[in-house]
Amino acid sequence: MSARVVDVLPNGYLVVEGAREVRLNNENQTITITGIVRPVDISQNNVVLSSAISQMSVNVHGKGLVSQPLNPGWLFKILNGILPF
């Protein structure tokens, strides 16, 4: 995944952020990664291993049928009111 430097901390560490959109289960999902990288962990090919990213945060946000919440139908609500077990 590609990422970019969004901030440089006073100690020289880099705050990076990257995003990628993928299609999974007939749904578009956006994966966002943020974290802090030491400049010494960046290789000559401008690559950083995920194990070298501190305070890493991975967020997955989807849009589509899979991520929509399922609500019980009216029949289930009635039966659950009558037979609460």
C-alpha atoms as a PDB file:
ATOM      1  CA  MET A   1       0.000   0.000   0.000  1.00  0.00           C
ATOM      2  CA  SER A   2       1.282   3.446  -0.806  1.00  0.00           C
ATOM      3  CA  ALA A   3       1.355   6.105   1.885  1.00  0.00           C
ATOM      4  CA  ARG A   4       2.454   9.704   2.213  1.00  0.00           C
ATOM      5  CA  VAL A   5       4.008  11.762   4.968  1.00  0.00           C
ATOM      6  CA  VAL A   6       1.377  14.019   6.524  1.00  0.00           C
ATOM      7  CA  ASP A   7       3.458  15.445   9.373  1.00  0.00           C
ATOM      8  CA  VAL A   8       6.994  15.513  10.764  1.00  0.00           C
ATOM      9  CA  LEU A   9       7.269  15.297  14.553  1.00  0.00           C
ATOM     10  CA  PRO A  10       9.829  17.376  16.517  1.00  0.00           C
ATOM     11  CA  ASN A  11      12.007  14.271  17.030  1.00  0.00           C
ATOM     12  CA  GLY A  12      12.181  13.699  13.244  1.00  0.00           C
ATOM     13  CA  TYR A  13       9.743  10.800  13.127  1.00  0.00           C
ATOM     14  CA  LEU A  14       7.251  10.806  10.251  1.00  0.00           C
ATOM     15  CA  VAL A  15       3.479  10.504  10.502  1.00  0.00           C
ATOM     16  CA  VAL A  16       2.274   8.575   7.458  1.00  0.00           C
ATOM     17  CA  GLU A  17      -1.159   7.901   6.023  1.00  0.00           C
ATOM     18  CA  GLY A  18      -2.294   5.703   3.168  1.00  0.00           C
ATOM     19  CA  ALA A  19      -5.598   4.585   1.716  1.00  0.00           C
ATOM     20  CA  ARG A  20      -6.711   1.978  -0.787  1.00  0.00           C
ATOM     21  CA  GLU A  21     -10.128   1.101  -2.112  1.00  0.00           C
ATOM     22  CA  VAL A  22     -10.885  -2.581  -2.716  1.00  0.00           C
ATOM     23  CA  ARG A  23     -13.962  -4.500  -3.819  1.00  0.00           C
ATOM     24  CA  LEU A  24     -14.811  -7.389  -1.512  1.00  0.00           C
ATOM     25  CA  ASN A  25     -18.081  -9.327  -1.154  1.00  0.00           C
ATOM     26  CA  ASN A  26     -19.749  -7.118  -3.803  1.00  0.00           C
ATOM     27  CA  GLU A  27     -18.958  -4.089  -1.673  1.00  0.00           C
ATOM     28  CA  ASN A  28     -16.509  -1.219  -2.042  1.00  0.00           C
ATOM     29  CA  GLN A  29     -14.303  -0.926   1.030  1.00  0.00           C
ATOM     30  CA  THR A  30     -11.757   1.758   1.841  1.00  0.00           C
ATOM     31  CA  ILE A  31      -8.781   0.663   3.946  1.00  0.00           C
ATOM     32  CA  THR A  32      -6.911   3.497   5.671  1.00  0.00           C
ATOM     33  CA  ILE A  33      -3.629   3.062   7.530  1.00  0.00           C
ATOM     34  CA  THR A  34      -1.965   5.694   9.712  1.00  0.00           C
ATOM     35  CA  GLY A  35       1.107   5.454  11.903  1.00  0.00           C
ATOM     36  CA  ILE A  36       4.528   6.773  12.867  1.00  0.00           C
ATOM     37  CA  VAL A  37       7.720   5.765  11.046  1.00  0.00           C
ATOM     38  CA  ARG A  38      11.346   6.359  11.990  1.00  0.00           C
ATOM     39  CA  PRO A  39      13.425   7.657   9.056  1.00  0.00           C
ATOM     40  CA  VAL A  40      16.001   4.881   9.654  1.00  0.00           C
ATOM     41  CA  ASP A  41      13.296   2.268   8.969  1.00  0.00           C
ATOM     42  CA  ILE A  42      12.803   3.498   5.395  1.00  0.00           C
ATOM     43  CA  SER A  43      14.764   1.323   2.951  1.00  0.00           C
ATOM     44  CA  GLN A  44      16.710   2.608  -0.067  1.00  0.00           C
ATOM     45  CA  ASN A  45      13.721   1.594  -2.209  1.00  0.00           C
ATOM     46  CA  ASN A  46      11.483   3.902  -0.132  1.00  0.00           C
ATOM     47  CA  VAL A  47       9.729   0.908   1.512  1.00  0.00           C
ATOM     48  CA  VAL A  48       8.700   0.511   5.153  1.00  0.00           C
ATOM     49  CA  LEU A  49       7.695  -2.849   6.605  1.00  0.00           C
ATOM     50  CA  SER A  50       4.367  -2.857   8.443  1.00  0.00           C
ATOM     51  CA  SER A  51       6.167  -4.185  11.526  1.00  0.00           C
ATOM     52  CA  ALA A  52       8.197  -0.938  11.608  1.00  0.00           C
ATOM     53  CA  ILE A  53       5.132   1.325  11.842  1.00  0.00           C
ATOM     54  CA  SER A  54       4.423   2.326  15.432  1.00  0.00           C
ATOM     55  CA  GLN A  55       1.009   3.361  16.728  1.00  0.00           C
ATOM     56  CA  MET A  56      -0.466   1.895  13.548  1.00  0.00           C
ATOM     57  CA  SER A  57      -4.175   2.257  13.040  1.00  0.00           C
ATOM     58  CA  VAL A  58      -6.088   0.344  10.360  1.00  0.00           C
ATOM     59  CA  ASN A  59      -9.636   1.404   9.518  1.00  0.00           C
ATOM     60  CA  VAL A  60     -11.940  -0.407   7.110  1.00  0.00           C
ATOM     61  CA  HIS A  61     -15.012   1.443   5.920  1.00  0.00           C
ATOM     62  CA  GLY A  62     -17.409  -0.233   3.522  1.00  0.00           C
ATOM     63  CA  LYS A  63     -20.337   0.880   1.431  1.00  0.00           C
ATOM     64  CA  GLY A  64     -22.793  -1.692   0.225  1.00  0.00           C
ATOM     65  CA  LEU A  65     -25.188  -4.436   1.203  1.00  0.00           C
ATOM     66  CA  VAL A  66     -22.806  -6.273   3.556  1.00  0.00           C
ATOM     67  CA  SER A  67     -22.130  -3.255   5.776  1.00  0.00           C
ATOM     68  CA  GLN A  68     -25.799  -2.281   6.120  1.00  0.00           C
ATOM     69  CA  PRO A  69     -27.264  -3.277   9.478  1.00  0.00           C
ATOM     70  CA  LEU A  70     -29.917  -5.964   9.477  1.00  0.00           C
ATOM     71  CA  ASN A  71     -33.171  -5.042  11.167  1.00  0.00           C
ATOM     72  CA  PRO A  72     -35.652  -7.732  12.219  1.00  0.00           C
ATOM     73  CA  GLY A  73     -38.930  -7.827  10.334  1.00  0.00           C
ATOM     74  CA  TRP A  74     -42.348  -6.986  11.739  1.00  0.00           C
ATOM     75  CA  LEU A  75     -43.295 -10.672  12.261  1.00  0.00           C
ATOM     76  CA  PHE A  76     -40.200 -11.311  14.368  1.00  0.00           C
ATOM     77  CA  LYS A  77     -40.926  -8.226  16.499  1.00  0.00           C
ATOM     78  CA  ILE A  78     -44.506  -9.418  17.151  1.00  0.00           C
ATOM     79  CA  LEU A  79     -43.448 -12.986  17.996  1.00  0.00           C
ATOM     80  CA  ASN A  80     -40.634 -11.732  20.204  1.00  0.00           C
ATOM     81  CA  GLY A  81     -43.167  -9.592  22.104  1.00  0.00           C
ATOM     82  CA  ILE A  82     -45.481 -12.571  22.633  1.00  0.00           C
ATOM     83  CA  LEU A  83     -42.807 -15.234  23.225  1.00  0.00           C
ATOM     84  CA  PRO A  84     -39.867 -13.350  24.733  1.00  0.00           C
ATOM     85  CA  PHE A  85     -37.523 -16.352  24.866  1.00  0.00           C
END
